Amino acid sequence: MPKIVDHEQRRRDLAQALWRVIANQGPAAVSIRSVAAEAGLSAGALRHYFQTREQLLLFAMELSEQRVRQRLQEQARRAQAPDADPDLIERVAGFAEQLLPLDPTRRAEYRAWEAAGELGEQDAHRQERWDQQRKLYRQLVAALAHAPLQDPSGPHPDPRVEEWAEHLHTYVDGLALQLGVTPLVTGAQDVQQRLRTFLCRIGDHLARDSD
């Protein structure tokens, strides 16, 4: 009886192998051959699922985005739980941290995104990903301003929220880059504290400007 292969799981296993290659050897090491070897397959078997290195990178990004969305959903459930931390800054920071490479899983995901940056126009969803991130930061700043939106996909009517959402987006991206490039200099605890300090300053500015 022929062996039944779960093709979707095989694709996920290959993406996991890709992340291990990136985490252990860096984005430049990614190739059909290196990922196939990491997954314990032949290059020909891998090409049954992914014809090119670019297809591998795009699929890995899609999976990492799914993981981020799952973590954000779990964070939302925790924030709404009866025993949730009542501190607004802590709740907001908990969401922003899901996009920071603070642990091995998130570091591998971040490096996969970093490697995929070279794809350019081959990445048909890069604008959509950017828009989704800006939507998150708009929601976080709106929470700090105590002015939530029903539909955060569009601009907030308060221009201060839009301005600080842009600043927060840039700041978190910068923290992620520092964690990825200089992990021995920029530690996770330092980044978490700096994030909270910045969120406090956003809240202070918003409160002061509304007086």
N, C-alpha and C. Protein backbone atom coordinates (compact mmCIF):
# COMPACT_ATOMS: atom_id res chain seq x y z
N MET A 1 0.85 -1.20 0.00
CA MET A 1 0.00 0.00 0.00
C MET A 1 0.89 1.24 0.00
N PRO A 2 0.67 2.18 -0.94
CA PRO A 2 1.54 3.36 -1.00
C PRO A 2 1.39 4.24 0.24
N LYS A 3 2.48 4.86 0.59
CA LYS A 3 2.49 5.74 1.76
C LYS A 3 1.71 7.02 1.47
N ILE A 4 0.82 7.38 2.38
CA ILE A 4 0.04 8.60 2.22
C ILE A 4 0.83 9.78 2.79
N VAL A 5 1.06 10.76 1.96
CA VAL A 5 1.85 11.92 2.36
C VAL A 5 0.93 13.11 2.61
N ASP A 6 1.08 13.70 3.76
CA ASP A 6 0.35 14.93 4.07
C ASP A 6 1.14 16.08 3.45
N HIS A 7 0.72 16.51 2.28
CA HIS A 7 1.52 17.49 1.53
C HIS A 7 1.58 18.84 2.22
N GLU A 8 0.49 19.25 2.85
CA GLU A 8 0.52 20.54 3.54
C GLU A 8 1.48 20.49 4.72
N GLN A 9 1.46 19.38 5.46
CA GLN A 9 2.40 19.25 6.57
C GLN A 9 3.83 19.19 6.06
N ARG A 10 4.05 18.53 4.92
CA ARG A 10 5.39 18.49 4.35
C ARG A 10 5.88 19.91 4.01
N ARG A 11 5.00 20.71 3.47
CA ARG A 11 5.37 22.10 3.15
C ARG A 11 5.72 22.86 4.43
N ARG A 12 4.97 22.63 5.48
CA ARG A 12 5.26 23.29 6.74
C ARG A 12 6.59 22.80 7.31
N ASP A 13 6.85 21.50 7.18
CA ASP A 13 8.12 20.97 7.66
C ASP A 13 9.29 21.60 6.90
N LEU A 14 9.09 21.83 5.62
CA LEU A 14 10.13 22.46 4.81
C LEU A 14 10.35 23.91 5.23
N ALA A 15 9.26 24.60 5.56
CA ALA A 15 9.40 25.98 6.04
C ALA A 15 10.14 26.00 7.37
N GLN A 16 9.86 25.02 8.24
CA GLN A 16 10.58 24.94 9.51
C GLN A 16 12.06 24.71 9.26
N ALA A 17 12.37 23.84 8.28
CA ALA A 17 13.77 23.59 7.94
C ALA A 17 14.42 24.87 7.42
N LEU A 18 13.68 25.63 6.64
CA LEU A 18 14.20 26.91 6.15
C LEU A 18 14.53 27.84 7.30
N TRP A 19 13.62 27.94 8.28
CA TRP A 19 13.87 28.81 9.42
C TRP A 19 15.11 28.37 10.19
N ARG A 20 15.31 27.04 10.29
CA ARG A 20 16.51 26.56 11.00
C ARG A 20 17.77 26.93 10.25
N VAL A 21 17.73 26.85 8.93
CA VAL A 21 18.89 27.25 8.13
C VAL A 21 19.19 28.73 8.36
N ILE A 22 18.15 29.55 8.33
CA ILE A 22 18.33 30.99 8.53
C ILE A 22 18.86 31.28 9.93
N ALA A 23 18.26 30.61 10.94
CA ALA A 23 18.66 30.86 12.33
C ALA A 23 20.10 30.43 12.59
N ASN A 24 20.52 29.33 11.98
CA ASN A 24 21.85 28.78 12.27
C ASN A 24 22.95 29.31 11.37
N GLN A 25 22.59 29.63 10.10
CA GLN A 25 23.62 30.00 9.14
C GLN A 25 23.43 31.37 8.50
N GLY A 26 22.26 31.97 8.70
CA GLY A 26 22.01 33.27 8.12
C GLY A 26 21.24 33.19 6.81
N PRO A 27 20.60 34.29 6.39
CA PRO A 27 19.78 34.28 5.18
C PRO A 27 20.54 33.90 3.92
N ALA A 28 21.82 34.26 3.83
CA ALA A 28 22.57 33.97 2.61
C ALA A 28 22.73 32.47 2.37
N ALA A 29 22.57 31.67 3.43
CA ALA A 29 22.75 30.21 3.29
C ALA A 29 21.54 29.52 2.72
N VAL A 30 20.44 30.22 2.56
CA VAL A 30 19.21 29.60 2.07
C VAL A 30 19.35 29.23 0.59
N SER A 31 19.08 27.97 0.29
CA SER A 31 19.05 27.48 -1.08
C SER A 31 18.19 26.23 -1.10
N ILE A 32 17.81 25.80 -2.29
CA ILE A 32 17.06 24.55 -2.41
C ILE A 32 17.84 23.41 -1.77
N ARG A 33 19.13 23.36 -2.04
CA ARG A 33 19.96 22.26 -1.54
C ARG A 33 20.09 22.30 -0.02
N SER A 34 20.36 23.49 0.55
CA SER A 34 20.57 23.57 1.99
C SER A 34 19.30 23.26 2.77
N VAL A 35 18.16 23.73 2.29
CA VAL A 35 16.90 23.47 2.99
C VAL A 35 16.50 22.01 2.85
N ALA A 36 16.73 21.45 1.67
CA ALA A 36 16.43 20.03 1.48
C ALA A 36 17.26 19.17 2.42
N ALA A 37 18.54 19.50 2.54
CA ALA A 37 19.42 18.73 3.43
C ALA A 37 18.96 18.86 4.88
N GLU A 38 18.56 20.06 5.29
CA GLU A 38 18.09 20.28 6.66
C GLU A 38 16.82 19.50 6.93
N ALA A 39 15.98 19.34 5.91
CA ALA A 39 14.72 18.62 6.06
C ALA A 39 14.88 17.11 5.86
N GLY A 40 16.08 16.67 5.47
CA GLY A 40 16.30 15.24 5.24
C GLY A 40 15.70 14.75 3.95
N LEU A 41 15.64 15.63 2.95
CA LEU A 41 15.08 15.27 1.64
C LEU A 41 16.10 15.53 0.54
N SER A 42 15.81 15.03 -0.63
CA SER A 42 16.63 15.36 -1.79
C SER A 42 16.16 16.69 -2.35
N ALA A 43 17.03 17.35 -3.12
CA ALA A 43 16.64 18.60 -3.76
C ALA A 43 15.46 18.37 -4.70
N GLY A 44 15.43 17.22 -5.37
CA GLY A 44 14.33 16.92 -6.27
C GLY A 44 13.01 16.78 -5.53
N ALA A 45 13.05 16.15 -4.35
CA ALA A 45 11.82 16.02 -3.56
C ALA A 45 11.32 17.38 -3.11
N LEU A 46 12.24 18.27 -2.73
CA LEU A 46 11.83 19.61 -2.29
C LEU A 46 11.18 20.38 -3.45
N ARG A 47 11.74 20.21 -4.65
CA ARG A 47 11.20 20.95 -5.80
C ARG A 47 9.80 20.47 -6.18
N HIS A 48 9.38 19.37 -5.64
CA HIS A 48 7.99 18.95 -5.84
C HIS A 48 7.03 19.95 -5.19
N TYR A 49 7.52 20.64 -4.16
CA TYR A 49 6.70 21.60 -3.42
C TYR A 49 7.08 23.05 -3.73
N PHE A 50 8.36 23.30 -3.90
CA PHE A 50 8.84 24.66 -4.15
C PHE A 50 9.88 24.60 -5.27
N GLN A 51 9.59 25.32 -6.33
CA GLN A 51 10.48 25.28 -7.48
C GLN A 51 11.71 26.17 -7.30
N THR A 52 11.57 27.22 -6.51
CA THR A 52 12.66 28.18 -6.39
C THR A 52 12.88 28.58 -4.94
N ARG A 53 14.03 29.16 -4.68
CA ARG A 53 14.36 29.69 -3.37
C ARG A 53 13.36 30.78 -2.98
N GLU A 54 12.95 31.58 -3.94
CA GLU A 54 12.02 32.68 -3.66
C GLU A 54 10.67 32.14 -3.17
N GLN A 55 10.20 31.05 -3.77
CA GLN A 55 8.94 30.45 -3.31
C GLN A 55 9.05 29.95 -1.87
N LEU A 56 10.20 29.41 -1.52
CA LEU A 56 10.43 28.97 -0.14
C LEU A 56 10.32 30.15 0.82
N LEU A 57 10.99 31.23 0.49
CA LEU A 57 10.99 32.39 1.37
C LEU A 57 9.60 32.98 1.53
N LEU A 58 8.85 33.06 0.44
CA LEU A 58 7.50 33.60 0.51
C LEU A 58 6.60 32.72 1.38
N PHE A 59 6.73 31.41 1.25
CA PHE A 59 5.90 30.52 2.06
C PHE A 59 6.27 30.63 3.53
N ALA A 60 7.56 30.73 3.81
CA ALA A 60 7.99 30.88 5.20
C ALA A 60 7.43 32.17 5.80
N MET A 61 7.40 33.25 5.01
CA MET A 61 6.82 34.49 5.50
C MET A 61 5.34 34.34 5.79
N GLU A 62 4.63 33.65 4.91
CA GLU A 62 3.20 33.46 5.12
C GLU A 62 2.95 32.69 6.42
N LEU A 63 3.75 31.67 6.67
CA LEU A 63 3.59 30.92 7.91
C LEU A 63 3.92 31.76 9.13
N SER A 64 4.96 32.57 9.02
CA SER A 64 5.33 33.41 10.16
C SER A 64 4.23 34.42 10.45
N GLU A 65 3.58 34.93 9.40
CA GLU A 65 2.47 35.86 9.61
C GLU A 65 1.30 35.16 10.30
N GLN A 66 1.04 33.91 9.93
CA GLN A 66 0.00 33.16 10.61
C GLN A 66 0.31 33.02 12.09
N ARG A 67 1.57 32.75 12.40
CA ARG A 67 1.97 32.61 13.79
C ARG A 67 1.80 33.93 14.55
N VAL A 68 2.17 35.03 13.91
CA VAL A 68 2.01 36.33 14.55
C VAL A 68 0.54 36.60 14.83
N ARG A 69 -0.31 36.32 13.85
CA ARG A 69 -1.75 36.54 14.05
C ARG A 69 -2.28 35.68 15.19
N GLN A 70 -1.83 34.44 15.26
CA GLN A 70 -2.26 33.57 16.35
C GLN A 70 -1.81 34.11 17.71
N ARG A 71 -0.58 34.61 17.77
CA ARG A 71 -0.10 35.17 19.03
C ARG A 71 -0.87 36.43 19.41
N LEU A 72 -1.21 37.24 18.42
CA LEU A 72 -1.97 38.45 18.71
C LEU A 72 -3.38 38.10 19.20
N GLN A 73 -3.96 37.08 18.61
CA GLN A 73 -5.29 36.64 19.06
C GLN A 73 -5.23 36.11 20.49
N GLU A 74 -4.17 35.36 20.79
CA GLU A 74 -4.01 34.85 22.14
C GLU A 74 -3.76 35.99 23.12
N GLN A 75 -2.99 36.99 22.68
CA GLN A 75 -2.74 38.15 23.52
C GLN A 75 -4.04 38.90 23.80
N ALA A 76 -4.91 38.99 22.80
CA ALA A 76 -6.20 39.66 22.98
C ALA A 76 -7.05 38.91 24.00
N ARG A 77 -7.02 37.57 23.93
CA ARG A 77 -7.79 36.79 24.91
C ARG A 77 -7.25 37.01 26.32
N ARG A 78 -5.93 37.05 26.45
CA ARG A 78 -5.34 37.28 27.77
C ARG A 78 -5.69 38.67 28.29
N ALA A 79 -5.70 39.66 27.39
CA ALA A 79 -6.00 41.03 27.80
C ALA A 79 -7.44 41.18 28.28
N GLN A 80 -8.33 40.32 27.78
CA GLN A 80 -9.74 40.40 28.15
C GLN A 80 -10.12 39.49 29.32
N ALA A 81 -9.16 38.70 29.77
CA ALA A 81 -9.44 37.77 30.87
C ALA A 81 -9.67 38.52 32.17
N PRO A 82 -10.46 37.96 33.09
CA PRO A 82 -10.75 38.65 34.35
C PRO A 82 -9.49 38.98 35.17
N ASP A 83 -8.47 38.14 35.05
CA ASP A 83 -7.26 38.37 35.82
C ASP A 83 -6.17 39.09 35.03
N ALA A 84 -6.55 39.76 33.92
CA ALA A 84 -5.58 40.46 33.09
C ALA A 84 -4.94 41.61 33.85
N ASP A 85 -3.70 41.92 33.50
CA ASP A 85 -3.00 43.05 34.10
C ASP A 85 -3.77 44.33 33.81
N PRO A 86 -4.16 45.08 34.83
CA PRO A 86 -4.96 46.30 34.59
C PRO A 86 -4.15 47.45 34.00
N ASP A 87 -2.82 47.33 33.99
CA ASP A 87 -1.99 48.42 33.51
C ASP A 87 -2.05 48.50 31.98
N LEU A 88 -2.48 49.66 31.47
CA LEU A 88 -2.66 49.83 30.03
C LEU A 88 -1.35 49.68 29.27
N ILE A 89 -0.28 50.25 29.79
CA ILE A 89 1.02 50.17 29.12
C ILE A 89 1.44 48.71 28.97
N GLU A 90 1.25 47.92 30.01
CA GLU A 90 1.63 46.51 29.94
C GLU A 90 0.80 45.78 28.88
N ARG A 91 -0.48 46.09 28.82
CA ARG A 91 -1.33 45.42 27.84
C ARG A 91 -0.92 45.79 26.42
N VAL A 92 -0.66 47.07 26.19
CA VAL A 92 -0.25 47.53 24.86
C VAL A 92 1.11 46.93 24.49
N ALA A 93 2.03 46.93 25.44
CA ALA A 93 3.36 46.37 25.18
C ALA A 93 3.26 44.90 24.81
N GLY A 94 2.34 44.17 25.44
CA GLY A 94 2.18 42.75 25.15
C GLY A 94 1.85 42.49 23.69
N PHE A 95 1.10 43.39 23.08
CA PHE A 95 0.79 43.24 21.65
C PHE A 95 2.01 43.59 20.79
N ALA A 96 2.65 44.71 21.07
CA ALA A 96 3.79 45.13 20.26
C ALA A 96 4.92 44.11 20.31
N GLU A 97 5.07 43.45 21.44
CA GLU A 97 6.16 42.48 21.60
C GLU A 97 6.00 41.26 20.70
N GLN A 98 4.80 41.02 20.22
CA GLN A 98 4.61 39.87 19.34
C GLN A 98 5.34 40.04 18.01
N LEU A 99 5.73 41.26 17.67
CA LEU A 99 6.45 41.53 16.44
C LEU A 99 7.95 41.71 16.67
N LEU A 100 8.40 41.48 17.90
CA LEU A 100 9.82 41.63 18.22
C LEU A 100 10.48 40.26 18.36
N PRO A 101 11.69 40.09 17.86
CA PRO A 101 12.40 38.80 17.96
C PRO A 101 12.99 38.58 19.35
N LEU A 102 12.11 38.33 20.31
CA LEU A 102 12.52 38.23 21.71
C LEU A 102 12.85 36.81 22.15
N ASP A 103 12.55 35.81 21.32
CA ASP A 103 12.85 34.43 21.67
C ASP A 103 13.26 33.70 20.39
N PRO A 104 13.75 32.47 20.50
CA PRO A 104 14.24 31.77 19.29
C PRO A 104 13.22 31.67 18.17
N THR A 105 11.95 31.41 18.52
CA THR A 105 10.92 31.29 17.48
C THR A 105 10.75 32.60 16.74
N ARG A 106 10.61 33.69 17.46
CA ARG A 106 10.42 34.98 16.82
C ARG A 106 11.68 35.47 16.12
N ARG A 107 12.85 35.09 16.62
CA ARG A 107 14.09 35.46 15.93
C ARG A 107 14.19 34.78 14.57
N ALA A 108 13.82 33.49 14.52
CA ALA A 108 13.85 32.78 13.25
C ALA A 108 12.85 33.39 12.27
N GLU A 109 11.67 33.73 12.77
CA GLU A 109 10.67 34.37 11.91
C GLU A 109 11.18 35.71 11.39
N TYR A 110 11.80 36.48 12.26
CA TYR A 110 12.29 37.79 11.86
C TYR A 110 13.36 37.66 10.77
N ARG A 111 14.24 36.69 10.92
CA ARG A 111 15.29 36.52 9.93
C ARG A 111 14.72 36.01 8.61
N ALA A 112 13.63 35.26 8.67
CA ALA A 112 12.96 34.84 7.44
C ALA A 112 12.39 36.07 6.72
N TRP A 113 11.78 36.97 7.48
CA TRP A 113 11.26 38.20 6.89
C TRP A 113 12.40 39.03 6.31
N GLU A 114 13.49 39.09 7.06
CA GLU A 114 14.66 39.85 6.62
C GLU A 114 15.19 39.31 5.29
N ALA A 115 15.28 37.98 5.19
CA ALA A 115 15.77 37.36 3.97
C ALA A 115 14.83 37.62 2.81
N ALA A 116 13.53 37.65 3.09
CA ALA A 116 12.55 37.84 2.02
C ALA A 116 12.53 39.27 1.51
N GLY A 117 13.19 40.19 2.22
CA GLY A 117 13.22 41.57 1.78
C GLY A 117 13.85 41.75 0.42
N GLU A 118 14.68 40.81 0.01
CA GLU A 118 15.35 40.90 -1.28
C GLU A 118 14.42 40.54 -2.44
N LEU A 119 13.22 40.06 -2.16
CA LEU A 119 12.35 39.58 -3.21
C LEU A 119 11.75 40.69 -4.05
N GLY A 120 11.64 41.88 -3.48
CA GLY A 120 11.12 43.01 -4.24
C GLY A 120 9.73 42.76 -4.79
N GLU A 121 9.55 42.99 -6.08
CA GLU A 121 8.24 42.89 -6.71
C GLU A 121 7.71 41.46 -6.75
N GLN A 122 8.57 40.47 -6.50
CA GLN A 122 8.08 39.09 -6.47
C GLN A 122 7.18 38.85 -5.26
N ASP A 123 7.31 39.69 -4.26
CA ASP A 123 6.47 39.58 -3.06
C ASP A 123 5.22 40.41 -3.27
N ALA A 124 4.16 39.74 -3.71
CA ALA A 124 2.94 40.47 -4.07
C ALA A 124 2.18 40.99 -2.87
N HIS A 125 2.52 40.53 -1.66
CA HIS A 125 1.74 40.89 -0.48
C HIS A 125 2.49 41.81 0.48
N ARG A 126 3.60 42.38 0.05
CA ARG A 126 4.38 43.18 1.01
C ARG A 126 3.63 44.43 1.47
N GLN A 127 2.87 45.07 0.57
CA GLN A 127 2.10 46.24 0.97
C GLN A 127 1.00 45.84 1.94
N GLU A 128 0.38 44.70 1.70
CA GLU A 128 -0.67 44.21 2.60
C GLU A 128 -0.10 43.95 3.99
N ARG A 129 1.11 43.37 4.06
CA ARG A 129 1.72 43.10 5.36
C ARG A 129 2.01 44.40 6.09
N TRP A 130 2.53 45.37 5.34
CA TRP A 130 2.83 46.67 5.95
C TRP A 130 1.55 47.31 6.48
N ASP A 131 0.47 47.25 5.69
CA ASP A 131 -0.80 47.83 6.11
C ASP A 131 -1.33 47.16 7.38
N GLN A 132 -1.18 45.85 7.47
CA GLN A 132 -1.64 45.14 8.66
C GLN A 132 -0.85 45.55 9.89
N GLN A 133 0.44 45.75 9.73
CA GLN A 133 1.24 46.21 10.86
C GLN A 133 0.83 47.61 11.28
N ARG A 134 0.64 48.50 10.31
CA ARG A 134 0.22 49.87 10.67
C ARG A 134 -1.14 49.85 11.35
N LYS A 135 -2.02 48.96 10.92
CA LYS A 135 -3.33 48.82 11.57
C LYS A 135 -3.16 48.47 13.04
N LEU A 136 -2.24 47.55 13.34
CA LEU A 136 -2.00 47.17 14.74
C LEU A 136 -1.50 48.36 15.54
N TYR A 137 -0.52 49.07 15.01
CA TYR A 137 0.04 50.20 15.75
C TYR A 137 -0.99 51.32 15.92
N ARG A 138 -1.86 51.49 14.93
CA ARG A 138 -2.94 52.48 15.06
C ARG A 138 -3.86 52.09 16.21
N GLN A 139 -4.19 50.80 16.31
CA GLN A 139 -5.04 50.34 17.41
C GLN A 139 -4.37 50.55 18.76
N LEU A 140 -3.07 50.29 18.83
CA LEU A 140 -2.36 50.43 20.10
C LEU A 140 -2.31 51.89 20.55
N VAL A 141 -2.01 52.78 19.62
CA VAL A 141 -1.95 54.20 19.98
C VAL A 141 -3.36 54.72 20.30
N ALA A 142 -4.35 54.26 19.57
CA ALA A 142 -5.72 54.67 19.86
C ALA A 142 -6.12 54.23 21.27
N ALA A 143 -5.65 53.06 21.70
CA ALA A 143 -5.93 52.61 23.06
C ALA A 143 -5.26 53.53 24.08
N LEU A 144 -4.03 53.94 23.79
CA LEU A 144 -3.33 54.86 24.69
C LEU A 144 -4.03 56.21 24.74
N ALA A 145 -4.68 56.59 23.64
CA ALA A 145 -5.40 57.86 23.58
C ALA A 145 -6.83 57.72 24.10
N HIS A 146 -7.22 56.51 24.49
CA HIS A 146 -8.59 56.23 24.93
C HIS A 146 -9.59 56.66 23.87
N ALA A 147 -9.22 56.38 22.59
CA ALA A 147 -10.08 56.75 21.47
C ALA A 147 -10.08 55.63 20.44
N PRO A 148 -10.59 54.43 20.79
CA PRO A 148 -10.55 53.29 19.86
C PRO A 148 -11.39 53.53 18.62
N LEU A 149 -11.00 52.84 17.54
CA LEU A 149 -11.70 52.91 16.27
C LEU A 149 -12.52 51.64 16.06
N GLN A 150 -13.69 51.77 15.45
CA GLN A 150 -14.47 50.60 15.08
C GLN A 150 -13.78 49.86 13.94
N ASP A 151 -13.21 50.61 12.99
CA ASP A 151 -12.50 50.03 11.86
C ASP A 151 -11.10 50.64 11.79
N PRO A 152 -10.10 49.96 12.36
CA PRO A 152 -8.75 50.52 12.38
C PRO A 152 -8.01 50.41 11.05
N SER A 153 -8.68 49.88 10.02
CA SER A 153 -8.02 49.77 8.71
C SER A 153 -7.81 51.14 8.08
N GLY A 154 -8.70 52.10 8.41
CA GLY A 154 -8.57 53.43 7.86
C GLY A 154 -7.95 54.39 8.84
N PRO A 155 -7.60 55.59 8.39
CA PRO A 155 -6.97 56.58 9.27
C PRO A 155 -7.86 56.93 10.46
N HIS A 156 -7.22 57.22 11.57
CA HIS A 156 -7.93 57.67 12.75
C HIS A 156 -8.32 59.14 12.57
N PRO A 157 -9.51 59.54 13.00
CA PRO A 157 -9.90 60.95 12.84
C PRO A 157 -9.02 61.91 13.63
N ASP A 158 -8.35 61.42 14.66
CA ASP A 158 -7.43 62.26 15.42
C ASP A 158 -6.04 62.16 14.79
N PRO A 159 -5.55 63.23 14.18
CA PRO A 159 -4.25 63.17 13.49
C PRO A 159 -3.10 62.81 14.43
N ARG A 160 -3.25 63.06 15.73
CA ARG A 160 -2.20 62.70 16.67
C ARG A 160 -2.03 61.19 16.76
N VAL A 161 -3.14 60.46 16.65
CA VAL A 161 -3.07 59.00 16.68
C VAL A 161 -2.31 58.50 15.45
N GLU A 162 -2.61 59.07 14.30
CA GLU A 162 -1.90 58.67 13.08
C GLU A 162 -0.41 58.97 13.18
N GLU A 163 -0.08 60.14 13.72
CA GLU A 163 1.32 60.53 13.85
C GLU A 163 2.08 59.58 14.77
N TRP A 164 1.48 59.27 15.93
CA TRP A 164 2.17 58.42 16.89
C TRP A 164 2.15 56.95 16.48
N ALA A 165 1.15 56.54 15.69
CA ALA A 165 1.16 55.19 15.14
C ALA A 165 2.35 55.02 14.20
N GLU A 166 2.61 56.05 13.41
CA GLU A 166 3.79 56.02 12.53
C GLU A 166 5.07 55.95 13.34
N HIS A 167 5.16 56.76 14.40
CA HIS A 167 6.36 56.75 15.24
C HIS A 167 6.55 55.39 15.91
N LEU A 168 5.46 54.82 16.43
CA LEU A 168 5.56 53.52 17.11
C LEU A 168 5.96 52.43 16.14
N HIS A 169 5.40 52.45 14.94
CA HIS A 169 5.75 51.48 13.90
C HIS A 169 7.26 51.54 13.62
N THR A 170 7.76 52.74 13.43
CA THR A 170 9.18 52.92 13.15
C THR A 170 10.04 52.48 14.34
N TYR A 171 9.61 52.82 15.54
CA TYR A 171 10.38 52.50 16.74
C TYR A 171 10.47 50.99 16.95
N VAL A 172 9.35 50.29 16.81
CA VAL A 172 9.37 48.83 17.02
C VAL A 172 10.20 48.15 15.93
N ASP A 173 10.09 48.63 14.69
CA ASP A 173 10.94 48.08 13.64
C ASP A 173 12.42 48.29 13.97
N GLY A 174 12.74 49.45 14.52
CA GLY A 174 14.13 49.71 14.90
C GLY A 174 14.61 48.81 16.02
N LEU A 175 13.75 48.58 17.01
CA LEU A 175 14.11 47.66 18.09
C LEU A 175 14.32 46.25 17.55
N ALA A 176 13.46 45.83 16.63
CA ALA A 176 13.59 44.51 16.04
C ALA A 176 14.91 44.38 15.29
N LEU A 177 15.28 45.42 14.56
CA LEU A 177 16.54 45.41 13.82
C LEU A 177 17.73 45.31 14.77
N GLN A 178 17.70 46.06 15.86
CA GLN A 178 18.79 46.01 16.83
C GLN A 178 18.89 44.63 17.47
N LEU A 179 17.75 44.04 17.81
CA LEU A 179 17.77 42.70 18.38
C LEU A 179 18.33 41.69 17.38
N GLY A 180 17.99 41.88 16.10
CA GLY A 180 18.44 40.95 15.09
C GLY A 180 19.90 41.11 14.72
N VAL A 181 20.38 42.35 14.71
CA VAL A 181 21.74 42.61 14.25
C VAL A 181 22.76 42.60 15.38
N THR A 182 22.37 43.13 16.55
CA THR A 182 23.31 43.22 17.67
C THR A 182 22.73 42.58 18.92
N PRO A 183 22.41 41.27 18.88
CA PRO A 183 21.76 40.63 20.03
C PRO A 183 22.63 40.60 21.28
N LEU A 184 23.96 40.65 21.12
CA LEU A 184 24.83 40.62 22.29
C LEU A 184 24.92 41.99 22.96
N VAL A 185 24.55 43.01 22.23
CA VAL A 185 24.58 44.38 22.76
C VAL A 185 23.18 44.80 23.21
N THR A 186 22.19 44.44 22.42
CA THR A 186 20.80 44.81 22.69
C THR A 186 20.05 43.59 23.19
N GLY A 187 19.86 43.50 24.50
CA GLY A 187 19.20 42.34 25.08
C GLY A 187 17.69 42.46 25.09
N ALA A 188 17.02 41.33 25.27
CA ALA A 188 15.56 41.31 25.26
C ALA A 188 14.97 42.16 26.38
N GLN A 189 15.53 42.06 27.58
CA GLN A 189 14.99 42.84 28.71
C GLN A 189 15.17 44.33 28.48
N ASP A 190 16.30 44.71 27.91
CA ASP A 190 16.55 46.12 27.60
C ASP A 190 15.51 46.63 26.60
N VAL A 191 15.26 45.85 25.57
CA VAL A 191 14.29 46.25 24.54
C VAL A 191 12.89 46.34 25.14
N GLN A 192 12.53 45.40 25.98
CA GLN A 192 11.20 45.44 26.60
C GLN A 192 11.03 46.68 27.46
N GLN A 193 12.07 47.07 28.18
CA GLN A 193 12.00 48.27 29.00
C GLN A 193 11.93 49.53 28.14
N ARG A 194 12.72 49.57 27.09
CA ARG A 194 12.71 50.73 26.19
C ARG A 194 11.35 50.87 25.51
N LEU A 195 10.74 49.76 25.14
CA LEU A 195 9.41 49.81 24.54
C LEU A 195 8.41 50.42 25.50
N ARG A 196 8.43 49.99 26.75
CA ARG A 196 7.49 50.51 27.74
C ARG A 196 7.73 52.00 28.01
N THR A 197 8.98 52.39 28.04
CA THR A 197 9.30 53.82 28.22
C THR A 197 8.73 54.65 27.08
N PHE A 198 8.89 54.14 25.86
CA PHE A 198 8.38 54.87 24.70
C PHE A 198 6.86 54.93 24.72
N LEU A 199 6.21 53.84 25.10
CA LEU A 199 4.75 53.85 25.18
C LEU A 199 4.26 54.84 26.23
N CYS A 200 4.98 54.92 27.35
CA CYS A 200 4.62 55.91 28.38
C CYS A 200 4.73 57.32 27.83
N ARG A 201 5.76 57.57 27.05
CA ARG A 201 5.93 58.91 26.48
C ARG A 201 4.82 59.22 25.48
N ILE A 202 4.42 58.22 24.70
CA ILE A 202 3.29 58.44 23.79
C ILE A 202 2.04 58.80 24.59
N GLY A 203 1.77 58.03 25.64
CA GLY A 203 0.61 58.30 26.46
C GLY A 203 0.67 59.69 27.09
N ASP A 204 1.86 60.09 27.56
CA ASP A 204 2.01 61.41 28.17
C ASP A 204 1.76 62.51 27.15
N HIS A 205 2.31 62.37 25.95
CA HIS A 205 2.10 63.35 24.89
C HIS A 205 0.63 63.47 24.54
N LEU A 206 -0.02 62.34 24.38
CA LEU A 206 -1.43 62.37 24.01
C LEU A 206 -2.28 63.03 25.09
N ALA A 207 -1.96 62.73 26.36
CA ALA A 207 -2.71 63.32 27.47
C ALA A 207 -2.45 64.83 27.55
N ARG A 208 -1.19 65.22 27.37
CA ARG A 208 -0.84 66.64 27.46
C ARG A 208 -1.46 67.44 26.33
N ASP A 209 -1.44 66.86 25.11
CA ASP A 209 -1.98 67.57 23.94
C ASP A 209 -3.48 67.73 24.01
N SER A 210 -4.15 66.85 24.78
CA SER A 210 -5.61 66.93 24.87
C SER A 210 -6.07 67.91 25.94
N ASP A 211 -5.13 68.39 26.76
CA ASP A 211 -5.52 69.34 27.82
C ASP A 211 -5.85 70.72 27.24
